[in-house]
Amino acid sequence: MNAVLADILTSQRVSDGVSSFPLRHPDFPDLAVAVDPAEGAWLQRIVNDIRPVRSLEIGCAYGVSSLYICDALASAASRGDTPRHTVVDPFQSTQWRGIGVRNIRDAGLASIVDFREERSEIVLPRLLHEGVVLDFAFVDGWHTFDQVLVEFYYINRLLRVGGVIAFDDANRRSINRVVRHALTYPAYRVYGTEREFAAPTMLGRSRRALTKVPAISGILRPDFLHKDWDLGILGTCVAIQKVADDKRSSGWDRAF
């Protein structure tokens, strides 16, 4: 672990060079503005597993997730790869006082980061136009359903087969619905989550049995029949993997 990240985790504070700030929002103590160690370790496991050459991160804030990801990418670089990590955050120099970029620079990781202080709906189409192919993406920006859905739409088109998308705050309904929608695509499956799962319950087995009865499954809502724990997406940081080319027809539609 690089020294900058270790110091942040120990002190639970970050600095813009003049003042220091807590990792949790001072007005909303229950609102985290950075991934926690379990989520950070999970992101690093994904990077170590798939060894991305081109990766993307939407949302930077204080740069904690960027430090986790880029620390793992730097290890891959030492093995001969030349990774490039694009970070998108339109509010870095305003709301976040440039702290994320400062932490990336102080950690010696700026050489592998392509930072873009623009909105994701502007950057992502440009990356597509540039012919960028992604191996990994971490989505942790503006959390409305429509915003994240637009981001997934473009990332799906940018992502290679075998690539992984991780969504932070996937326990929020807005993000959860996007993940559930993405998993209806034939090209995607659950890659994993930072949370360990317990053995299936009797209720879960009964619910799965109902999905096999057409007369029932056609009436009940998908989110009743397929709970998060049944789908394997119970957790705050959920990752899905693209396992095939996206070949849906123009009339394709699925309930989620």
Protein backbone atom coordinates (compact mmCIF):
# COMPACT_ATOMS: atom_id res chain seq x y z
CA MET A 1 0.00 0.00 0.00
CA ASN A 2 1.38 3.41 -0.92
CA ALA A 3 2.25 5.81 1.92
CA VAL A 4 -0.37 8.44 0.99
CA LEU A 5 -3.22 5.94 1.14
CA ALA A 6 -1.89 4.41 4.36
CA ASP A 7 -1.75 7.85 6.00
CA ILE A 8 -5.33 8.66 4.92
CA LEU A 9 -6.64 5.38 6.29
CA THR A 10 -4.81 5.90 9.59
CA SER A 11 -5.82 9.54 10.12
CA GLN A 12 -9.22 9.34 8.40
CA ARG A 13 -8.50 12.81 7.05
CA VAL A 14 -7.33 14.41 3.81
CA SER A 15 -5.77 17.80 3.08
CA ASP A 16 -5.77 20.37 0.30
CA GLY A 17 -2.43 21.69 1.56
CA VAL A 18 -4.03 24.35 3.73
CA SER A 19 -6.86 22.68 5.65
CA SER A 20 -7.69 19.08 6.46
CA PHE A 21 -11.06 17.40 6.10
CA PRO A 22 -12.62 14.20 7.49
CA LEU A 23 -13.32 11.29 5.15
CA ARG A 24 -16.95 11.48 6.21
CA HIS A 25 -19.07 14.50 5.37
CA PRO A 26 -19.09 16.84 8.43
CA ASP A 27 -22.79 17.61 8.04
CA PHE A 28 -23.81 14.01 7.30
CA PRO A 29 -21.64 11.65 9.41
CA ASP A 30 -23.31 8.57 7.95
CA LEU A 31 -22.47 9.63 4.40
CA ALA A 32 -19.10 8.28 3.29
CA VAL A 33 -17.27 10.22 0.60
CA ALA A 34 -14.67 7.50 0.05
CA VAL A 35 -14.64 3.75 -0.36
CA ASP A 36 -13.95 1.84 2.85
CA PRO A 37 -11.03 -0.62 3.22
CA ALA A 38 -13.17 -3.66 2.33
CA GLU A 39 -14.34 -1.99 -0.88
CA GLY A 40 -10.83 -0.77 -1.66
CA ALA A 41 -9.40 -4.25 -1.19
CA TRP A 42 -12.12 -5.63 -3.44
CA LEU A 43 -11.27 -3.14 -6.19
CA GLN A 44 -7.63 -4.16 -5.93
CA ARG A 45 -8.55 -7.84 -6.19
CA ILE A 46 -10.43 -7.12 -9.42
CA VAL A 47 -7.45 -5.22 -10.84
CA ASN A 48 -5.03 -7.97 -9.82
CA ASP A 49 -7.32 -10.59 -11.33
CA ILE A 50 -8.05 -9.06 -14.75
CA ARG A 51 -4.89 -6.86 -15.02
CA PRO A 52 -6.51 -4.01 -16.99
CA VAL A 53 -4.44 -2.00 -19.42
CA ARG A 54 -7.12 0.67 -19.92
CA SER A 55 -9.45 1.50 -17.05
CA LEU A 56 -11.98 4.16 -16.15
CA GLU A 57 -13.23 5.72 -12.93
CA ILE A 58 -16.26 7.99 -12.70
CA GLY A 59 -16.12 10.12 -9.56
CA CYS A 60 -12.90 10.95 -7.74
CA ALA A 61 -13.71 13.16 -4.71
CA TYR A 62 -10.77 12.77 -2.32
CA GLY A 63 -9.13 10.19 -4.55
CA VAL A 64 -9.23 7.25 -2.14
CA SER A 65 -10.66 4.79 -4.66
CA SER A 66 -8.23 6.13 -7.26
CA LEU A 67 -5.34 5.39 -4.90
CA TYR A 68 -6.51 1.83 -4.37
CA ILE A 69 -7.00 1.22 -8.09
CA CYS A 70 -3.84 2.96 -9.27
CA ASP A 71 -1.73 1.30 -6.59
CA ALA A 72 -2.77 -2.08 -8.02
CA LEU A 73 -2.29 -0.81 -11.58
CA ALA A 74 1.23 0.36 -10.72
CA SER A 75 2.06 -3.15 -9.54
CA ALA A 76 0.87 -4.45 -12.91
CA ALA A 77 3.03 -1.84 -14.63
CA SER A 78 6.07 -3.18 -12.78
CA ARG A 79 5.39 -6.53 -14.46
CA GLY A 80 5.68 -4.97 -17.90
CA ASP A 81 2.16 -3.66 -18.61
CA THR A 82 1.55 0.01 -19.42
CA PRO A 83 -1.82 0.84 -17.83
CA ARG A 84 -3.79 4.04 -18.37
CA HIS A 85 -6.49 5.03 -15.89
CA THR A 86 -8.99 7.71 -16.94
CA VAL A 87 -10.59 9.52 -14.00
CA VAL A 88 -13.69 11.65 -14.58
CA ASP A 89 -14.81 14.22 -11.99
CA PRO A 90 -16.40 17.55 -13.02
CA PHE A 91 -16.28 18.88 -9.45
CA GLN A 92 -12.69 18.05 -8.51
CA SER A 93 -11.34 21.61 -8.35
CA THR A 94 -14.52 23.09 -6.85
CA GLN A 95 -16.44 20.86 -4.44
CA TRP A 96 -13.44 18.61 -3.70
CA ARG A 97 -10.78 21.38 -3.61
CA GLY A 98 -8.41 19.41 -5.87
CA ILE A 99 -7.70 16.95 -3.06
CA GLY A 100 -8.13 13.83 -5.18
CA VAL A 101 -5.69 15.01 -7.83
CA ARG A 102 -3.27 16.13 -5.11
CA ASN A 103 -3.35 12.70 -3.45
CA ILE A 104 -2.77 10.93 -6.78
CA ARG A 105 0.19 13.21 -7.49
CA ASP A 106 1.68 12.88 -3.99
CA ALA A 107 1.43 9.10 -4.24
CA GLY A 108 3.52 9.17 -7.42
CA LEU A 109 0.69 7.77 -9.51
CA ALA A 110 -0.04 10.74 -11.80
CA SER A 111 1.88 9.20 -14.72
CA ILE A 112 -0.76 6.52 -15.24
CA VAL A 113 -3.79 8.81 -14.73
CA ASP A 114 -5.66 10.66 -17.47
CA PHE A 115 -7.74 13.12 -15.44
CA ARG A 116 -10.75 14.78 -17.06
CA GLU A 117 -12.64 17.46 -15.17
CA GLU A 118 -15.80 17.13 -17.23
CA ARG A 119 -19.16 15.45 -16.88
CA SER A 120 -19.27 11.76 -17.72
CA GLU A 121 -21.98 12.24 -20.36
CA ILE A 122 -19.46 14.41 -22.23
CA VAL A 123 -16.35 12.28 -21.69
CA LEU A 124 -17.79 8.82 -22.41
CA PRO A 125 -19.04 9.53 -25.97
CA ARG A 126 -15.66 11.14 -26.68
CA LEU A 127 -13.83 8.02 -25.51
CA LEU A 128 -16.07 5.93 -27.75
CA HIS A 129 -15.28 8.22 -30.68
CA GLU A 130 -11.57 7.89 -29.91
CA GLY A 131 -11.83 4.12 -30.17
CA VAL A 132 -10.91 3.46 -26.54
CA VAL A 133 -11.42 -0.11 -25.34
CA LEU A 134 -11.83 -0.55 -21.58
CA ASP A 135 -10.86 -3.53 -19.46
CA PHE A 136 -12.27 -2.19 -16.18
CA ALA A 137 -14.58 0.60 -15.02
CA PHE A 138 -15.52 1.82 -11.56
CA VAL A 139 -18.74 3.86 -11.35
CA ASP A 140 -19.07 6.17 -8.35
CA GLY A 141 -20.26 9.54 -9.60
CA TRP A 142 -23.68 11.20 -9.53
CA HIS A 143 -26.03 8.55 -8.14
CA THR A 144 -29.37 9.11 -9.88
CA PHE A 145 -30.77 6.17 -11.84
CA ASP A 146 -30.76 7.98 -15.16
CA GLN A 147 -27.19 9.25 -14.76
CA VAL A 148 -25.78 5.82 -13.92
CA LEU A 149 -27.85 4.21 -16.66
CA VAL A 150 -26.33 6.58 -19.23
CA GLU A 151 -22.87 5.77 -17.89
CA PHE A 152 -23.53 2.04 -18.13
CA TYR A 153 -24.84 2.46 -21.69
CA TYR A 154 -21.55 3.93 -22.84
CA ILE A 155 -19.31 1.73 -20.72
CA ASN A 156 -21.03 -1.34 -22.19
CA ARG A 157 -20.04 -0.11 -25.65
CA LEU A 158 -16.48 0.64 -24.52
CA LEU A 159 -15.89 -2.56 -22.53
CA ARG A 160 -14.14 -5.57 -24.05
CA VAL A 161 -15.46 -9.08 -23.54
CA GLY A 162 -14.01 -10.25 -20.24
CA GLY A 163 -13.97 -6.71 -18.85
CA VAL A 164 -15.52 -5.81 -15.50
CA ILE A 165 -17.68 -2.93 -14.28
CA ALA A 166 -17.84 -2.22 -10.54
CA PHE A 167 -20.62 -0.05 -9.07
CA ASP A 168 -20.17 1.62 -5.70
CA ASP A 169 -23.14 2.24 -3.38
CA ALA A 170 -24.98 -0.60 -5.10
CA ASN A 171 -27.19 -0.92 -2.02
CA ARG A 172 -28.88 2.36 -2.98
CA ARG A 173 -32.05 1.78 -4.95
CA SER A 174 -31.00 3.97 -7.88
CA ILE A 175 -27.72 2.06 -8.40
CA ASN A 176 -29.31 -1.29 -7.58
CA ARG A 177 -31.85 -0.85 -10.37
CA VAL A 178 -29.12 -0.16 -12.92
CA VAL A 179 -27.21 -3.28 -11.84
CA ARG A 180 -30.37 -5.37 -12.05
CA HIS A 181 -31.07 -3.96 -15.52
CA ALA A 182 -27.51 -4.70 -16.67
CA LEU A 183 -27.81 -8.28 -15.49
CA THR A 184 -30.77 -8.87 -17.79
CA TYR A 185 -28.37 -8.43 -20.73
CA PRO A 186 -27.33 -11.85 -22.04
CA ALA A 187 -23.76 -10.55 -22.23
CA TYR A 188 -23.37 -9.97 -18.46
CA ARG A 189 -23.05 -12.04 -15.32
CA VAL A 190 -22.25 -11.25 -11.69
CA TYR A 191 -18.52 -11.04 -11.10
CA GLY A 192 -18.74 -10.59 -7.35
CA THR A 193 -19.12 -8.24 -4.42
CA GLU A 194 -17.03 -7.15 -1.47
CA ARG A 195 -19.53 -8.90 0.80
CA GLU A 196 -19.43 -12.61 1.59
CA PHE A 197 -22.71 -14.45 1.06
CA ALA A 198 -24.44 -16.82 3.44
CA ALA A 199 -25.92 -20.12 2.33
CA PRO A 200 -29.29 -19.87 0.48
CA THR A 201 -32.31 -19.73 2.78
CA MET A 202 -35.53 -21.73 2.45
CA LEU A 203 -37.30 -18.51 1.43
CA GLY A 204 -34.71 -17.95 -1.28
CA ARG A 205 -35.09 -21.50 -2.59
CA SER A 206 -38.88 -21.09 -2.65
CA ARG A 207 -38.63 -17.81 -4.52
CA ARG A 208 -36.35 -19.36 -7.14
CA ALA A 209 -38.80 -22.23 -7.53
CA LEU A 210 -41.57 -19.72 -8.29
CA THR A 211 -39.53 -18.29 -11.16
CA LYS A 212 -39.90 -21.63 -12.95
CA VAL A 213 -43.71 -21.43 -12.93
CA PRO A 214 -44.74 -19.28 -15.95
CA ALA A 215 -48.22 -18.50 -14.63
CA ILE A 216 -46.71 -17.05 -11.46
CA SER A 217 -43.56 -15.47 -12.82
CA GLY A 218 -45.64 -13.58 -15.39
CA ILE A 219 -47.66 -11.89 -12.63
CA LEU A 220 -45.18 -11.15 -9.85
CA ARG A 221 -42.68 -8.31 -10.11
CA PRO A 222 -39.10 -9.30 -11.02
CA ASP A 223 -37.71 -7.63 -7.89
CA PHE A 224 -39.94 -9.90 -5.77
CA LEU A 225 -38.94 -13.10 -7.54
CA HIS A 226 -35.26 -12.23 -7.85
CA LYS A 227 -34.00 -10.66 -4.65
CA ASP A 228 -30.51 -9.21 -4.49
CA TRP A 229 -29.22 -12.17 -2.49
CA ASP A 230 -30.61 -14.53 -5.11
CA LEU A 231 -28.86 -12.61 -7.88
CA GLY A 232 -25.61 -12.42 -5.93
CA ILE A 233 -25.48 -8.62 -5.81
CA LEU A 234 -25.95 -8.02 -2.09
CA GLY A 235 -23.30 -5.52 -1.04
CA THR A 236 -22.18 -1.92 -1.38
CA CYS A 237 -19.67 -2.56 -4.17
CA VAL A 238 -20.95 -4.91 -6.86
CA ALA A 239 -19.06 -5.95 -9.98
CA ILE A 240 -20.43 -7.48 -13.18
CA GLN A 241 -18.48 -9.00 -16.06
CA LYS A 242 -19.06 -8.84 -19.79
CA VAL A 243 -18.84 -12.44 -20.92
CA ALA A 244 -19.92 -12.08 -24.57
CA ASP A 245 -20.47 -9.46 -27.25
CA ASP A 246 -23.69 -7.50 -26.80
CA LYS A 247 -25.85 -8.82 -29.62
CA ARG A 248 -29.34 -7.84 -28.46
CA SER A 249 -31.86 -7.21 -31.21
CA SER A 250 -33.44 -3.78 -31.72
CA GLY A 251 -36.65 -5.03 -30.12
CA TRP A 252 -34.99 -6.52 -27.05
CA ASP A 253 -36.58 -5.73 -23.68
CA ARG A 254 -36.55 -7.34 -20.24
CA ALA A 255 -38.22 -6.51 -16.95
CA PHE A 256 -35.85 -5.86 -14.05
